[in-house]
Amino acid sequence: AGAVISMRRDLGDLGATHPSPAAAAAPAVWDTTADP
């Protein structure tokens, strides 16, 4: 989920969303994982 949300965020494709706490945390997990 973090990979998908992070890439969509980077493309500016999320719009005005209000993600759940888990969805909001997922990009941070992805962005800080050096070797998935």
PDB file of all heavy atoms in Angstrom:
ATOM      1  N   ALA A   1       0.837  -1.199   0.000  1.00  0.00           N
ATOM      2  CA  ALA A   1       0.000   0.000   0.000  1.00  0.00           C
ATOM      3  C   ALA A   1       0.872   1.249   0.000  1.00  0.00           C
ATOM      4  O   ALA A   1       0.569   2.231  -0.701  1.00  0.00           O
ATOM      5  CB  ALA A   1      -0.921  -0.001   1.221  1.00  0.00           C
ATOM      6  N   GLY A   2       1.941   1.220   0.762  1.00  0.00           N
ATOM      7  CA  GLY A   2       2.844   2.374   0.817  1.00  0.00           C
ATOM      8  C   GLY A   2       3.459   2.685  -0.525  1.00  0.00           C
ATOM      9  O   GLY A   2       3.584   3.858  -0.907  1.00  0.00           O
ATOM     10  N   ALA A   3       3.839   1.643  -1.271  1.00  0.00           N
ATOM     11  CA  ALA A   3       4.424   1.857  -2.600  1.00  0.00           C
ATOM     12  C   ALA A   3       3.417   2.518  -3.531  1.00  0.00           C
ATOM     13  O   ALA A   3       3.736   3.502  -4.210  1.00  0.00           O
ATOM     14  CB  ALA A   3       4.903   0.532  -3.188  1.00  0.00           C
ATOM     15  N   VAL A   4       2.189   2.010  -3.535  1.00  0.00           N
ATOM     16  CA  VAL A   4       1.155   2.563  -4.417  1.00  0.00           C
ATOM     17  C   VAL A   4       0.818   3.997  -4.023  1.00  0.00           C
ATOM     18  O   VAL A   4       0.788   4.904  -4.866  1.00  0.00           O
ATOM     19  CB  VAL A   4      -0.110   1.672  -4.396  1.00  0.00           C
ATOM     20  CG1 VAL A   4      -1.258   2.344  -5.121  1.00  0.00           C
ATOM     21  CG2 VAL A   4       0.190   0.307  -4.995  1.00  0.00           C
ATOM     22  N   ILE A   5       0.576   4.228  -2.735  1.00  0.00           N
ATOM     23  CA  ILE A   5       0.191   5.566  -2.278  1.00  0.00           C
ATOM     24  C   ILE A   5       1.330   6.553  -2.482  1.00  0.00           C
ATOM     25  O   ILE A   5       1.123   7.691  -2.930  1.00  0.00           O
ATOM     26  CB  ILE A   5      -0.260   5.529  -0.806  1.00  0.00           C
ATOM     27  CG1 ILE A   5      -1.553   4.703  -0.683  1.00  0.00           C
ATOM     28  CG2 ILE A   5      -0.471   6.937  -0.259  1.00  0.00           C
ATOM     29  CD1 ILE A   5      -1.922   4.344   0.744  1.00  0.00           C
ATOM     30  N   SER A   6       2.557   6.130  -2.207  1.00  0.00           N
ATOM     31  CA  SER A   6       3.715   7.004  -2.380  1.00  0.00           C
ATOM     32  C   SER A   6       3.897   7.401  -3.839  1.00  0.00           C
ATOM     33  O   SER A   6       4.141   8.570  -4.156  1.00  0.00           O
ATOM     34  CB  SER A   6       4.974   6.300  -1.859  1.00  0.00           C
ATOM     35  OG  SER A   6       6.091   7.135  -1.994  1.00  0.00           O
ATOM     36  N   MET A   7       3.761   6.429  -4.733  1.00  0.00           N
ATOM     37  CA  MET A   7       3.923   6.733  -6.159  1.00  0.00           C
ATOM     38  C   MET A   7       2.796   7.624  -6.667  1.00  0.00           C
ATOM     39  O   MET A   7       3.034   8.534  -7.459  1.00  0.00           O
ATOM     40  CB  MET A   7       4.028   5.444  -6.961  1.00  0.00           C
ATOM     41  CG  MET A   7       5.332   4.726  -6.712  1.00  0.00           C
ATOM     42  SD  MET A   7       5.378   3.142  -7.563  1.00  0.00           S
ATOM     43  CE  MET A   7       6.796   2.408  -6.770  1.00  0.00           C
ATOM     44  N   ARG A   8       1.572   7.377  -6.202  1.00  0.00           N
ATOM     45  CA  ARG A   8       0.455   8.245  -6.599  1.00  0.00           C
ATOM     46  C   ARG A   8       0.657   9.647  -6.040  1.00  0.00           C
ATOM     47  O   ARG A   8       0.363  10.641  -6.718  1.00  0.00           O
ATOM     48  CB  ARG A   8      -0.868   7.658  -6.133  1.00  0.00           C
ATOM     49  CG  ARG A   8      -1.263   6.423  -6.943  1.00  0.00           C
ATOM     50  CD  ARG A   8      -2.653   6.002  -6.697  1.00  0.00           C
ATOM     51  NE  ARG A   8      -3.576   7.042  -7.146  1.00  0.00           N
ATOM     52  CZ  ARG A   8      -4.834   7.101  -6.767  1.00  0.00           C
ATOM     53  NH1 ARG A   8      -5.334   6.184  -5.947  1.00  0.00           N
ATOM     54  NH2 ARG A   8      -5.624   8.051  -7.193  1.00  0.00           N
ATOM     55  N   ARG A   9       1.158   9.742  -4.811  1.00  0.00           N
ATOM     56  CA  ARG A   9       1.439  11.050  -4.211  1.00  0.00           C
ATOM     57  C   ARG A   9       2.473  11.788  -5.055  1.00  0.00           C
ATOM     58  O   ARG A   9       2.306  12.971  -5.372  1.00  0.00           O
ATOM     59  CB  ARG A   9       1.956  10.858  -2.787  1.00  0.00           C
ATOM     60  CG  ARG A   9       2.370  12.146  -2.090  1.00  0.00           C
ATOM     61  CD  ARG A   9       3.268  11.883  -0.902  1.00  0.00           C
ATOM     62  NE  ARG A   9       4.494  11.241  -1.356  1.00  0.00           N
ATOM     63  CZ  ARG A   9       5.205  10.395  -0.623  1.00  0.00           C
ATOM     64  NH1 ARG A   9       4.838  10.061   0.595  1.00  0.00           N
ATOM     65  NH2 ARG A   9       6.298   9.856  -1.109  1.00  0.00           N
ATOM     66  N   ASP A  10       3.541  11.078  -5.450  1.00  0.00           N
ATOM     67  CA  ASP A  10       4.603  11.702  -6.227  1.00  0.00           C
ATOM     68  C   ASP A  10       4.115  12.170  -7.600  1.00  0.00           C
ATOM     69  O   ASP A  10       4.643  13.123  -8.163  1.00  0.00           O
ATOM     70  CB  ASP A  10       5.782  10.746  -6.387  1.00  0.00           C
ATOM     71  CG  ASP A  10       6.487  10.464  -5.062  1.00  0.00           C
ATOM     72  OD1 ASP A  10       6.214  11.170  -4.060  1.00  0.00           O
ATOM     73  OD2 ASP A  10       7.300   9.519  -5.019  1.00  0.00           O
ATOM     74  N   LEU A  11       3.094  11.495  -8.121  1.00  0.00           N
ATOM     75  CA  LEU A  11       2.512  11.899  -9.401  1.00  0.00           C
ATOM     76  C   LEU A  11       1.468  12.997  -9.239  1.00  0.00           C
ATOM     77  O   LEU A  11       0.931  13.500 -10.218  1.00  0.00           O
ATOM     78  CB  LEU A  11       1.852  10.689 -10.085  1.00  0.00           C
ATOM     79  CG  LEU A  11       2.797   9.608 -10.589  1.00  0.00           C
ATOM     80  CD1 LEU A  11       2.001   8.382 -11.020  1.00  0.00           C
ATOM     81  CD2 LEU A  11       3.649  10.131 -11.733  1.00  0.00           C
ATOM     82  N   GLY A  12       1.158  13.359  -7.992  1.00  0.00           N
ATOM     83  CA  GLY A  12       0.127  14.355  -7.729  1.00  0.00           C
ATOM     84  C   GLY A  12      -1.261  13.827  -8.022  1.00  0.00           C
ATOM     85  O   GLY A  12      -2.166  14.576  -8.378  1.00  0.00           O
ATOM     86  N   ASP A  13      -1.450  12.517  -7.844  1.00  0.00           N
ATOM     87  CA  ASP A  13      -2.680  11.849  -8.257  1.00  0.00           C
ATOM     88  C   ASP A  13      -3.590  11.483  -7.081  1.00  0.00           C
ATOM     89  O   ASP A  13      -4.473  10.650  -7.223  1.00  0.00           O
ATOM     90  CB  ASP A  13      -2.295  10.582  -9.033  1.00  0.00           C
ATOM     91  CG  ASP A  13      -3.463   9.915  -9.708  1.00  0.00           C
ATOM     92  OD1 ASP A  13      -4.407  10.608 -10.097  1.00  0.00           O
ATOM     93  OD2 ASP A  13      -3.428   8.680  -9.840  1.00  0.00           O
ATOM     94  N   LEU A  14      -3.393  12.067  -5.921  1.00  0.00           N
ATOM     95  CA  LEU A  14      -4.216  11.695  -4.773  1.00  0.00           C
ATOM     96  C   LEU A  14      -5.393  12.629  -4.550  1.00  0.00           C
ATOM     97  O   LEU A  14      -6.364  12.260  -3.896  1.00  0.00           O
ATOM     98  CB  LEU A  14      -3.362  11.634  -3.504  1.00  0.00           C
ATOM     99  CG  LEU A  14      -2.363  10.486  -3.442  1.00  0.00           C
ATOM    100  CD1 LEU A  14      -1.577  10.549  -2.141  1.00  0.00           C
ATOM    101  CD2 LEU A  14      -3.053   9.150  -3.568  1.00  0.00           C
ATOM    102  N   GLY A  15      -5.313  13.818  -5.070  1.00  0.00           N
ATOM    103  CA  GLY A  15      -6.413  14.759  -4.883  1.00  0.00           C
ATOM    104  C   GLY A  15      -6.621  15.091  -3.422  1.00  0.00           C
ATOM    105  O   GLY A  15      -5.724  14.973  -2.594  1.00  0.00           O
ATOM    106  N   ALA A  16      -7.812  15.491  -3.068  1.00  0.00           N
ATOM    107  CA  ALA A  16      -8.150  15.867  -1.690  1.00  0.00           C
ATOM    108  C   ALA A  16      -8.726  14.647  -0.981  1.00  0.00           C
ATOM    109  O   ALA A  16      -9.925  14.530  -0.790  1.00  0.00           O
ATOM    110  CB  ALA A  16      -9.137  17.020  -1.690  1.00  0.00           C
ATOM    111  N   THR A  17      -7.856  13.723  -0.631  1.00  0.00           N
ATOM    112  CA  THR A  17      -8.318  12.505   0.038  1.00  0.00           C
ATOM    113  C   THR A  17      -8.143  12.632   1.542  1.00  0.00           C
ATOM    114  O   THR A  17      -7.370  13.443   2.028  1.00  0.00           O
ATOM    115  CB  THR A  17      -7.539  11.278  -0.453  1.00  0.00           C
ATOM    116  OG1 THR A  17      -6.153  11.469  -0.157  1.00  0.00           O
ATOM    117  CG2 THR A  17      -7.711  11.064  -1.944  1.00  0.00           C
ATOM    118  N   HIS A  18      -8.863  11.823   2.254  1.00  0.00           N
ATOM    119  CA  HIS A  18      -8.761  11.756   3.701  1.00  0.00           C
ATOM    120  C   HIS A  18      -8.512  10.297   4.074  1.00  0.00           C
ATOM    121  O   HIS A  18      -9.454   9.568   4.384  1.00  0.00           O
ATOM    122  CB  HIS A  18     -10.044  12.289   4.356  1.00  0.00           C
ATOM    123  CG  HIS A  18     -10.345  13.702   3.952  1.00  0.00           C
ATOM    124  ND1 HIS A  18      -9.630  14.770   4.429  1.00  0.00           N
ATOM    125  CD2 HIS A  18     -11.247  14.198   3.087  1.00  0.00           C
ATOM    126  CE1 HIS A  18     -10.093  15.874   3.884  1.00  0.00           C
ATOM    127  NE2 HIS A  18     -11.074  15.563   3.062  1.00  0.00           N
ATOM    128  N   PRO A  19      -7.242   9.888   4.006  1.00  0.00           N
ATOM    129  CA  PRO A  19      -6.938   8.470   4.211  1.00  0.00           C
ATOM    130  C   PRO A  19      -7.131   8.029   5.657  1.00  0.00           C
ATOM    131  O   PRO A  19      -7.079   8.832   6.581  1.00  0.00           O
ATOM    132  CB  PRO A  19      -5.468   8.367   3.810  1.00  0.00           C
ATOM    133  CG  PRO A  19      -4.923   9.728   4.092  1.00  0.00           C
ATOM    134  CD  PRO A  19      -6.051  10.677   3.768  1.00  0.00           C
ATOM    135  N   SER A  20      -7.340   6.732   5.807  1.00  0.00           N
ATOM    136  CA  SER A  20      -7.388   6.147   7.142  1.00  0.00           C
ATOM    137  C   SER A  20      -6.002   6.289   7.769  1.00  0.00           C
ATOM    138  O   SER A  20      -5.015   6.534   7.063  1.00  0.00           O
ATOM    139  CB  SER A  20      -7.754   4.671   7.049  1.00  0.00           C
ATOM    140  OG  SER A  20      -6.685   3.951   6.449  1.00  0.00           O
ATOM    141  N   PRO A  21      -5.889   6.126   9.087  1.00  0.00           N
ATOM    142  CA  PRO A  21      -4.566   6.183   9.714  1.00  0.00           C
ATOM    143  C   PRO A  21      -3.582   5.177   9.115  1.00  0.00           C
ATOM    144  O   PRO A  21      -2.411   5.494   8.914  1.00  0.00           O
ATOM    145  CB  PRO A  21      -4.857   5.892  11.183  1.00  0.00           C
ATOM    146  CG  PRO A  21      -6.257   6.383  11.384  1.00  0.00           C
ATOM    147  CD  PRO A  21      -6.965   6.045  10.093  1.00  0.00           C
ATOM    148  N   ALA A  22      -4.054   3.967   8.811  1.00  0.00           N
ATOM    149  CA  ALA A  22      -3.158   2.962   8.226  1.00  0.00           C
ATOM    150  C   ALA A  22      -2.691   3.391   6.837  1.00  0.00           C
ATOM    151  O   ALA A  22      -1.515   3.224   6.491  1.00  0.00           O
ATOM    152  CB  ALA A  22      -3.860   1.611   8.155  1.00  0.00           C
ATOM    153  N   ALA A  23      -3.605   3.956   6.034  1.00  0.00           N
ATOM    154  CA  ALA A  23      -3.228   4.421   4.706  1.00  0.00           C
ATOM    155  C   ALA A  23      -2.291   5.627   4.783  1.00  0.00           C
ATOM    156  O   ALA A  23      -1.408   5.788   3.948  1.00  0.00           O
ATOM    157  CB  ALA A  23      -4.473   4.756   3.888  1.00  0.00           C
ATOM    158  N   ALA A  24      -2.477   6.467   5.768  1.00  0.00           N
ATOM    159  CA  ALA A  24      -1.594   7.619   5.936  1.00  0.00           C
ATOM    160  C   ALA A  24      -0.192   7.186   6.364  1.00  0.00           C
ATOM    161  O   ALA A  24       0.798   7.807   5.983  1.00  0.00           O
ATOM    162  CB  ALA A  24      -2.187   8.585   6.954  1.00  0.00           C
ATOM    163  N   ALA A  25      -0.097   6.104   7.143  1.00  0.00           N
ATOM    164  CA  ALA A  25       1.203   5.624   7.624  1.00  0.00           C
ATOM    165  C   ALA A  25       1.951   4.813   6.565  1.00  0.00           C
ATOM    166  O   ALA A  25       3.176   4.756   6.582  1.00  0.00           O
ATOM    167  CB  ALA A  25       1.014   4.780   8.879  1.00  0.00           C
ATOM    168  N   ALA A  26       1.229   4.182   5.660  1.00  0.00           N
ATOM    169  CA  ALA A  26       1.852   3.278   4.693  1.00  0.00           C
ATOM    170  C   ALA A  26       2.965   3.924   3.862  1.00  0.00           C
ATOM    171  O   ALA A  26       4.025   3.312   3.693  1.00  0.00           O
ATOM    172  CB  ALA A  26       0.780   2.662   3.791  1.00  0.00           C
ATOM    173  N   PRO A  27       2.792   5.139   3.329  1.00  0.00           N
ATOM    174  CA  PRO A  27       3.891   5.728   2.565  1.00  0.00           C
ATOM    175  C   PRO A  27       5.152   5.947   3.396  1.00  0.00           C
ATOM    176  O   PRO A  27       6.267   5.826   2.875  1.00  0.00           O
ATOM    177  CB  PRO A  27       3.328   7.059   2.067  1.00  0.00           C
ATOM    178  CG  PRO A  27       1.866   6.926   2.161  1.00  0.00           C
ATOM    179  CD  PRO A  27       1.598   5.981   3.275  1.00  0.00           C
ATOM    180  N   ALA A  28       4.989   6.250   4.674  1.00  0.00           N
ATOM    181  CA  ALA A  28       6.174   6.426   5.532  1.00  0.00           C
ATOM    182  C   ALA A  28       6.926   5.110   5.683  1.00  0.00           C
ATOM    183  O   ALA A  28       8.163   5.095   5.687  1.00  0.00           O
ATOM    184  CB  ALA A  28       5.757   6.965   6.901  1.00  0.00           C
ATOM    185  N   VAL A  29       6.179   4.007   5.795  1.00  0.00           N
ATOM    186  CA  VAL A  29       6.829   2.688   5.872  1.00  0.00           C
ATOM    187  C   VAL A  29       7.593   2.440   4.578  1.00  0.00           C
ATOM    188  O   VAL A  29       8.768   2.051   4.591  1.00  0.00           O
ATOM    189  CB  VAL A  29       5.790   1.576   6.127  1.00  0.00           C
ATOM    190  CG1 VAL A  29       6.418   0.198   6.017  1.00  0.00           C
ATOM    191  CG2 VAL A  29       5.124   1.763   7.481  1.00  0.00           C
ATOM    192  N   TRP A  30       6.953   2.666   3.446  1.00  0.00           N
ATOM    193  CA  TRP A  30       7.592   2.449   2.148  1.00  0.00           C
ATOM    194  C   TRP A  30       8.804   3.370   1.970  1.00  0.00           C
ATOM    195  O   TRP A  30       9.886   2.918   1.580  1.00  0.00           O
ATOM    196  CB  TRP A  30       6.598   2.684   1.017  1.00  0.00           C
ATOM    197  CG  TRP A  30       7.250   2.656  -0.325  1.00  0.00           C
ATOM    198  CD1 TRP A  30       7.531   3.721  -1.118  1.00  0.00           C
ATOM    199  CD2 TRP A  30       7.739   1.503  -1.000  1.00  0.00           C
ATOM    200  NE1 TRP A  30       8.166   3.305  -2.253  1.00  0.00           N
ATOM    201  CE2 TRP A  30       8.308   1.940  -2.210  1.00  0.00           C
ATOM    202  CE3 TRP A  30       7.765   0.144  -0.705  1.00  0.00           C
ATOM    203  CZ2 TRP A  30       8.880   1.073  -3.134  1.00  0.00           C
ATOM    204  CZ3 TRP A  30       8.333  -0.727  -1.623  1.00  0.00           C
ATOM    205  CH2 TRP A  30       8.887  -0.262  -2.821  1.00  0.00           C
ATOM    206  N   ASP A  31       8.618   4.659   2.238  1.00  0.00           N
ATOM    207  CA  ASP A  31       9.679   5.643   1.995  1.00  0.00           C
ATOM    208  C   ASP A  31      10.916   5.413   2.846  1.00  0.00           C
ATOM    209  O   ASP A  31      12.004   5.854   2.486  1.00  0.00           O
ATOM    210  CB  ASP A  31       9.152   7.064   2.235  1.00  0.00           C
ATOM    211  CG  ASP A  31       8.106   7.483   1.205  1.00  0.00           C
ATOM    212  OD1 ASP A  31       8.024   6.870   0.122  1.00  0.00           O
ATOM    213  OD2 ASP A  31       7.344   8.424   1.503  1.00  0.00           O
ATOM    214  N   THR A  32      10.771   4.736   3.982  1.00  0.00           N
ATOM    215  CA  THR A  32      11.914   4.521   4.877  1.00  0.00           C
ATOM    216  C   THR A  32      12.454   3.099   4.816  1.00  0.00           C
ATOM    217  O   THR A  32      13.320   2.741   5.614  1.00  0.00           O
ATOM    218  CB  THR A  32      11.549   4.868   6.334  1.00  0.00           C
ATOM    219  OG1 THR A  32      10.442   4.053   6.741  1.00  0.00           O
ATOM    220  CG2 THR A  32      11.189   6.338   6.469  1.00  0.00           C
ATOM    221  N   THR A  33      11.979   2.310   3.870  1.00  0.00           N
ATOM    222  CA  THR A  33      12.467   0.942   3.714  1.00  0.00           C
ATOM    223  C   THR A  33      13.461   0.917   2.565  1.00  0.00           C
ATOM    224  O   THR A  33      13.082   1.032   1.395  1.00  0.00           O
ATOM    225  CB  THR A  33      11.297  -0.031   3.442  1.00  0.00           C
ATOM    226  OG1 THR A  33      10.396   0.036   4.549  1.00  0.00           O
ATOM    227  CG2 THR A  33      11.788  -1.450   3.288  1.00  0.00           C
ATOM    228  N   ALA A  34      14.738   0.762   2.900  1.00  0.00           N
ATOM    229  CA  ALA A  34      15.792   0.809   1.892  1.00  0.00           C
ATOM    230  C   ALA A  34      15.791  -0.421   0.986  1.00  0.00           C
ATOM    231  O   ALA A  34      16.114  -0.319  -0.196  1.00  0.00           O
ATOM    232  CB  ALA A  34      17.152   0.960   2.563  1.00  0.00           C
ATOM    233  N   ASP A  35      15.427  -1.580   1.521  1.00  0.00           N
ATOM    234  CA  ASP A  35      15.495  -2.826   0.765  1.00  0.00           C
ATOM    235  C   ASP A  35      14.213  -3.633   0.976  1.00  0.00           C
ATOM    236  O   ASP A  35      14.176  -4.556   1.793  1.00  0.00           O
ATOM    237  CB  ASP A  35      16.725  -3.623   1.206  1.00  0.00           C
ATOM    238  CG  ASP A  35      16.970  -4.863   0.378  1.00  0.00           C
ATOM    239  OD1 ASP A  35      16.194  -5.138  -0.567  1.00  0.00           O
ATOM    240  OD2 ASP A  35      17.944  -5.576   0.679  1.00  0.00           O
ATOM    241  N   PRO A  36      13.150  -3.288   0.240  1.00  0.00           N
ATOM    242  CA  PRO A  36      11.867  -3.970   0.441  1.00  0.00           C
ATOM    243  C   PRO A  36      11.938  -5.481   0.251  1.00  0.00           C
ATOM    244  O   PRO A  36      11.274  -6.230   0.958  1.00  0.00           O
ATOM    245  CB  PRO A  36      10.950  -3.337  -0.600  1.00  0.00           C
ATOM    246  CG  PRO A  36      11.565  -2.021  -0.897  1.00  0.00           C
ATOM    247  CD  PRO A  36      13.035  -2.210  -0.740  1.00  0.00           C
TER     248      PRO A  36
END
